[in-house]
Protein backbone atom coordinates (compact mmCIF):
# COMPACT_ATOMS: atom_id res chain seq x y z
CA UNK A 1 111.88 38.73 122.77
CA UNK A 2 109.68 40.52 125.13
CA UNK A 3 110.89 41.78 128.39
CA UNK A 4 108.25 41.35 131.02
CA UNK A 5 108.80 41.90 134.72
CA UNK A 6 108.15 38.33 135.68
CA UNK A 7 110.58 35.69 136.88
CA UNK A 8 110.82 32.37 135.11
CA UNK A 9 108.86 29.86 137.11
CA UNK A 10 110.36 26.49 137.89
CA UNK A 11 109.08 24.20 140.63
CA UNK A 12 112.61 23.06 141.44
CA UNK A 13 114.77 26.15 141.10
CA UNK A 14 114.10 29.76 140.19
CA UNK A 15 116.57 32.00 138.39
CA UNK A 16 117.97 34.97 140.24
CA UNK A 17 115.40 37.44 141.45
CA UNK A 18 114.55 40.21 139.01
CA UNK A 19 115.28 38.17 135.90
CA UNK A 20 112.90 39.10 133.12
CA UNK A 21 111.14 36.41 131.13
CA UNK A 22 109.42 36.00 127.81
CA UNK A 23 105.67 35.56 127.94
CA UNK A 24 103.37 33.95 125.40
CA UNK A 25 100.87 36.78 125.78
CA UNK A 26 100.72 39.25 122.93
CA UNK A 27 98.57 42.37 123.11
CA UNK A 28 98.79 44.86 120.26
CA UNK A 29 97.81 48.45 120.94
CA UNK A 30 97.65 49.50 117.31
CA UNK A 31 96.13 48.16 114.11
CA UNK A 32 99.45 48.28 112.28
CA UNK A 33 101.20 46.32 115.00
CA UNK A 34 98.46 43.69 114.94
CA UNK A 35 98.84 43.31 111.18
CA UNK A 36 102.60 42.90 111.52
CA UNK A 37 102.18 40.27 114.23
CA UNK A 38 99.66 38.30 112.15
CA UNK A 39 102.05 38.40 109.20
CA UNK A 40 104.85 37.05 111.34
CA UNK A 41 102.71 34.20 112.67
CA UNK A 42 101.80 33.28 109.10
CA UNK A 43 105.52 32.88 108.38
CA UNK A 44 106.09 30.12 110.95
CA UNK A 45 105.93 27.44 108.27
CA UNK A 46 108.89 29.13 106.54
CA UNK A 47 111.16 27.81 109.33
CA UNK A 48 112.49 31.19 110.44
CA UNK A 49 113.55 32.20 113.94
CA UNK A 50 110.73 33.89 115.81
CA UNK A 51 110.03 35.14 119.26
CA UNK A 52 106.93 35.37 121.39
CA UNK A 53 106.81 38.66 123.21
CA UNK A 54 104.68 41.23 124.92
CA UNK A 55 103.97 44.93 124.52
CA UNK A 56 104.40 45.28 120.74
CA UNK A 57 105.13 48.72 119.41
CA UNK A 58 104.01 50.58 116.31
CA UNK A 59 106.21 49.53 113.36
CA UNK A 60 109.16 51.80 112.77
CA UNK A 61 109.59 52.97 109.19
CA UNK A 62 113.02 53.58 107.61
CA UNK A 63 114.33 57.06 108.41
CA UNK A 64 116.14 59.35 105.99
CA UNK A 65 118.84 60.36 108.46
CA UNK A 66 120.30 63.16 106.35
CA UNK A 67 116.91 64.83 105.92
CA UNK A 68 116.35 64.41 109.64
CA UNK A 69 119.52 66.39 110.32
CA UNK A 70 121.96 63.58 111.13
CA UNK A 71 124.70 62.36 108.80
CA UNK A 72 125.50 58.65 108.87
CA UNK A 73 129.17 57.78 109.47
CA UNK A 74 131.46 56.84 106.60
CA UNK A 75 133.61 53.73 106.92
CA UNK A 76 136.52 54.59 104.64
CA UNK A 77 139.09 52.81 106.82
CA UNK A 78 137.07 49.59 107.15
CA UNK A 79 137.24 46.64 104.78
CA UNK A 80 134.13 46.82 102.61
CA UNK A 81 132.15 43.81 101.49
CA UNK A 82 128.86 43.33 99.71
CA UNK A 83 126.23 41.09 101.28
CA UNK A 84 124.15 38.74 99.16
CA UNK A 85 120.43 39.12 100.02
CA UNK A 86 119.74 35.53 98.94
CA UNK A 87 122.45 34.19 101.25
CA UNK A 88 121.10 36.26 104.12
CA UNK A 89 117.57 34.98 103.50
CA UNK A 90 118.74 31.38 103.36
CA UNK A 91 120.63 31.87 106.63
CA UNK A 92 117.58 33.51 108.24
CA UNK A 93 119.17 36.93 108.69
CA UNK A 94 115.68 38.36 108.28
CA UNK A 95 116.26 41.81 109.79
CA UNK A 96 118.39 42.77 106.77
CA UNK A 97 115.23 43.41 104.76
CA UNK A 98 113.09 46.38 105.81
CA UNK A 99 109.94 44.68 104.55
CA UNK A 100 110.48 41.32 106.26
CA UNK A 101 107.51 40.47 108.47
CA UNK A 102 109.78 38.96 111.13
CA UNK A 103 111.63 42.23 111.66
CA UNK A 104 108.80 43.50 113.83
CA UNK A 105 109.79 41.03 116.54
CA UNK A 106 113.32 42.40 116.54
CA UNK A 107 112.01 45.95 116.69
CA UNK A 108 110.02 44.98 119.75
CA UNK A 109 113.11 43.36 121.23
CA UNK A 110 115.15 46.50 120.54
CA UNK A 111 112.49 48.73 122.07
CA UNK A 112 112.25 46.62 125.20
CA UNK A 113 116.04 46.66 125.59
CA UNK A 114 116.16 50.44 125.22
CA UNK A 115 113.40 50.84 127.78
CA UNK A 116 115.16 48.57 130.26
CA UNK A 117 118.64 50.07 129.85
CA UNK A 118 117.51 53.72 129.70
CA UNK A 119 120.62 54.81 127.83
CA UNK A 120 123.00 53.40 130.42
CA UNK A 121 125.58 51.06 128.93
CA UNK A 122 126.07 50.06 125.31
CA UNK A 123 127.67 46.59 125.41
CA UNK A 124 125.57 43.43 125.17
CA UNK A 125 126.64 39.80 125.37
CA UNK A 126 124.34 37.31 123.61
CA UNK A 127 124.67 33.71 124.76
CA UNK A 128 122.65 30.56 125.46
CA UNK A 129 122.77 27.57 127.77
CA UNK A 130 123.58 24.98 125.10
CA UNK A 131 124.48 24.99 121.36
CA UNK A 132 121.87 25.32 118.63
CA UNK A 133 119.46 27.64 120.42
CA UNK A 134 119.77 30.55 117.98
CA UNK A 135 122.08 32.95 119.81
CA UNK A 136 124.12 33.86 116.71
CA UNK A 137 121.03 34.61 114.63
CA UNK A 138 119.63 36.66 117.48
CA UNK A 139 122.86 38.67 117.69
CA UNK A 140 122.96 39.25 113.93
CA UNK A 141 119.33 40.28 113.55
CA UNK A 142 119.49 42.44 116.66
CA UNK A 143 122.55 44.23 115.26
CA UNK A 144 120.73 44.94 111.98
CA UNK A 145 117.80 46.32 113.96
CA UNK A 146 119.92 48.48 116.26
CA UNK A 147 121.69 49.92 113.21
CA UNK A 148 118.35 51.38 112.15
CA UNK A 149 117.93 53.20 115.47
CA UNK A 150 118.06 56.97 114.89
CA UNK A 151 121.41 58.62 115.73
CA UNK A 152 123.02 55.34 116.73
CA UNK A 153 125.23 52.76 115.06
CA UNK A 154 125.86 49.08 115.75
CA UNK A 155 128.98 46.93 116.00
CA UNK A 156 128.61 43.14 115.83
CA UNK A 157 131.53 41.16 117.28
CA UNK A 158 132.10 37.40 116.98
CA UNK A 159 133.59 36.20 120.27
CA UNK A 160 132.61 32.56 119.79
CA UNK A 161 136.21 31.87 118.90
CA UNK A 162 135.95 28.08 118.68
CA UNK A 163 132.86 28.06 116.47
CA UNK A 164 132.73 31.31 114.54
CA UNK A 165 129.49 31.66 112.60
CA UNK A 166 128.80 35.35 112.07
CA UNK A 167 130.90 35.68 108.92
CA UNK A 168 129.45 32.41 107.58
CA UNK A 169 125.87 33.53 108.20
CA UNK A 170 126.55 36.89 106.56
CA UNK A 171 128.43 35.26 103.70
CA UNK A 172 131.93 36.74 103.77
CA UNK A 173 135.45 35.45 104.40
CA UNK A 174 136.87 36.04 107.86
CA UNK A 175 140.21 37.81 107.67
CA UNK A 176 141.71 39.54 110.68
CA UNK A 177 139.65 39.45 113.85
CA UNK A 178 139.64 39.29 117.63
CA UNK A 179 142.36 36.64 117.86
CA UNK A 180 144.69 38.58 115.56
CA UNK A 181 144.26 41.65 117.75
CA UNK A 182 144.95 39.76 120.98
CA UNK A 183 147.80 37.52 119.80
CA UNK A 184 149.43 39.32 116.87
CA UNK A 185 148.73 42.93 117.89
CA UNK A 186 146.80 43.64 114.69
CA UNK A 187 145.63 47.28 114.57
CA UNK A 188 142.06 47.74 115.72
CA UNK A 189 141.19 49.50 112.47
CA UNK A 190 142.21 46.39 110.49
CA UNK A 191 139.51 44.33 112.20
CA UNK A 192 136.53 46.39 111.12
CA UNK A 193 134.37 45.17 108.25
CA UNK A 194 131.66 47.31 106.71
CA UNK A 195 129.05 45.01 105.12
CA UNK A 196 127.44 47.75 103.06
CA UNK A 197 124.67 48.23 105.63
CA UNK A 198 124.20 51.78 106.83
CA UNK A 199 125.52 52.29 110.38
CA UNK A 200 126.64 48.68 110.91
CA UNK A 201 130.16 47.28 111.21
CA UNK A 202 131.33 43.74 111.99
CA UNK A 203 134.40 42.21 113.63
CA UNK A 204 134.94 38.49 113.10
CA UNK A 205 136.85 36.12 115.34
CA UNK A 206 139.87 35.74 113.09
CA UNK A 207 142.00 32.63 113.36
CA UNK A 208 140.60 29.70 115.36
CA UNK A 209 142.20 28.94 118.74
CA UNK A 210 141.88 26.21 121.37
CA UNK A 211 142.50 28.32 124.48
CA UNK A 212 139.64 30.71 123.81
CA UNK A 213 138.55 31.15 127.44
CA UNK A 214 142.01 32.42 128.38
CA UNK A 215 141.82 34.95 125.55
CA UNK A 216 138.31 36.14 126.35
CA UNK A 217 139.18 36.57 130.01
CA UNK A 218 142.52 38.25 129.35
CA UNK A 219 143.53 41.80 130.16
CA UNK A 220 143.95 42.34 126.42
CA UNK A 221 140.29 41.50 125.80
CA UNK A 222 139.24 43.74 128.67
CA UNK A 223 141.27 46.58 127.18
CA UNK A 224 139.69 45.95 123.78
CA UNK A 225 136.14 46.13 125.17
CA UNK A 226 137.04 49.30 127.06
CA UNK A 227 138.50 50.81 123.88
CA UNK A 228 135.32 49.96 121.96
CA UNK A 229 133.14 51.60 124.61
CA UNK A 230 135.27 54.73 124.79
CA UNK A 231 135.82 55.07 121.05
CA UNK A 232 132.20 54.39 120.09
CA UNK A 233 129.95 55.66 122.91
CA UNK A 234 127.04 56.11 120.48
CA UNK A 235 127.35 52.56 119.16
CA UNK A 236 125.47 49.49 120.38
CA UNK A 237 128.11 46.76 120.64
CA UNK A 238 126.78 43.21 120.45
CA UNK A 239 129.05 40.27 121.30
CA UNK A 240 128.15 36.75 120.18
CA UNK A 241 129.76 34.40 122.71
CA UNK A 242 129.77 30.60 123.25
CA UNK A 243 127.02 28.72 125.13
CA UNK A 244 127.45 28.88 128.90
CA UNK A 245 127.36 25.15 129.59
CA UNK A 246 129.93 24.05 127.01
CA UNK A 247 133.01 26.05 128.06
CA UNK A 248 134.24 28.77 130.40
CA UNK A 249 134.46 31.46 127.68
CA UNK A 250 131.21 33.31 128.39
CA UNK A 251 131.69 33.14 132.13
CA UNK A 252 135.12 34.74 131.71
CA UNK A 253 133.79 37.42 129.36
CA UNK A 254 130.56 38.41 131.15
CA UNK A 255 132.15 40.81 133.69
CA UNK A 256 133.40 43.00 130.82
CA UNK A 257 130.00 43.90 129.34
CA UNK A 258 127.08 45.97 130.59
CA UNK A 259 124.29 43.48 129.87
CA UNK A 260 123.68 39.82 129.06
CA UNK A 261 120.89 38.30 126.95
CA UNK A 262 120.34 34.54 127.18
CA UNK A 263 118.66 32.86 124.20
CA UNK A 264 116.39 29.92 125.02
CA UNK A 265 114.95 27.67 122.32
CA UNK A 266 111.33 26.74 122.92
CA UNK A 267 110.78 23.03 123.35
CA UNK A 268 114.49 22.29 123.67
CA UNK A 269 116.11 24.06 126.58
CA UNK A 270 115.27 22.56 129.96
CA UNK A 271 114.58 24.58 133.10
CA UNK A 272 117.53 22.80 134.67
CA UNK A 273 119.93 23.97 131.96
CA UNK A 274 118.59 27.53 132.07
CA UNK A 275 119.07 27.69 135.83
CA UNK A 276 122.54 26.19 135.62
CA UNK A 277 123.50 28.75 132.98
CA UNK A 278 122.11 31.70 134.92
CA UNK A 279 124.05 30.75 138.02
CA UNK A 280 127.26 31.25 136.03
CA UNK A 281 126.43 34.88 135.24
CA UNK A 282 126.54 38.09 137.31
CA UNK A 283 122.82 38.40 138.11
CA UNK A 284 122.88 42.21 137.93
CA UNK A 285 123.95 42.05 134.28
CA UNK A 286 121.28 39.62 133.06
CA UNK A 287 118.83 41.74 131.09
CA UNK A 288 116.50 38.92 130.10
CA UNK A 289 115.76 35.71 128.30
CA UNK A 290 115.02 35.60 124.58
CA UNK A 291 112.59 32.81 123.69
CA UNK A 292 113.46 31.55 120.22
CA UNK A 293 110.74 29.77 118.23
CA UNK A 294 112.02 27.92 115.16
């Protein structure tokens, strides 16, 4: 994704004023960034999620946090799992690998988000207009990328309670999750899963429910989001939520977060659907559109 101060143009309807859009233009200011971009373009035949964006940044190399004077947190109270790199690659969780060419797009996305938010707010809702546009992959890969940000950690939360995919994409069994916390009063500490990735934790949806919009809009969910923000002020919290045009879940949940990212699949999502989806959101929270190229 690139965040460019430019509204999405539609001859019939325009999204709310100030909405940022993804542009096809790509101008690299450094040789290394250009090489990374060329490598990513060469990967398009591999059928991986990609984004067109602007203002690329110089590639960020892995940081030895302890040598830099910052100790990464330990997750002794979280359930530990081990991710399978092959499963992640097959499921297009490309940002798991430091050397993946596609990760540069997510670094650009992260940088643009940080520049837009300026350190204000740490909760992000990732959604789309319709199913199959790549919102879950965007949330996962963005969480991996944020976890590499110096002196910050990331928490990935599956709030798509009717169609939970985060644990499936990452390749682990969902145990206790959001639903167990809201319905069965499961301790918050029991929800956390550490996938063996430095500075990243995951919370799955838990048991499947039919009345998910009532849960996501409940006072219990609001209290949970508030607890996350207060307990982990240094942590980027990314919520994967259902598509806007399929149910009321995301509309009910949006007021609880600081920012909203809307994933749009190139060649699939119509202007009409994008505009309909945007009208369901608080315009002041919409950070931008993520153009997903598959």
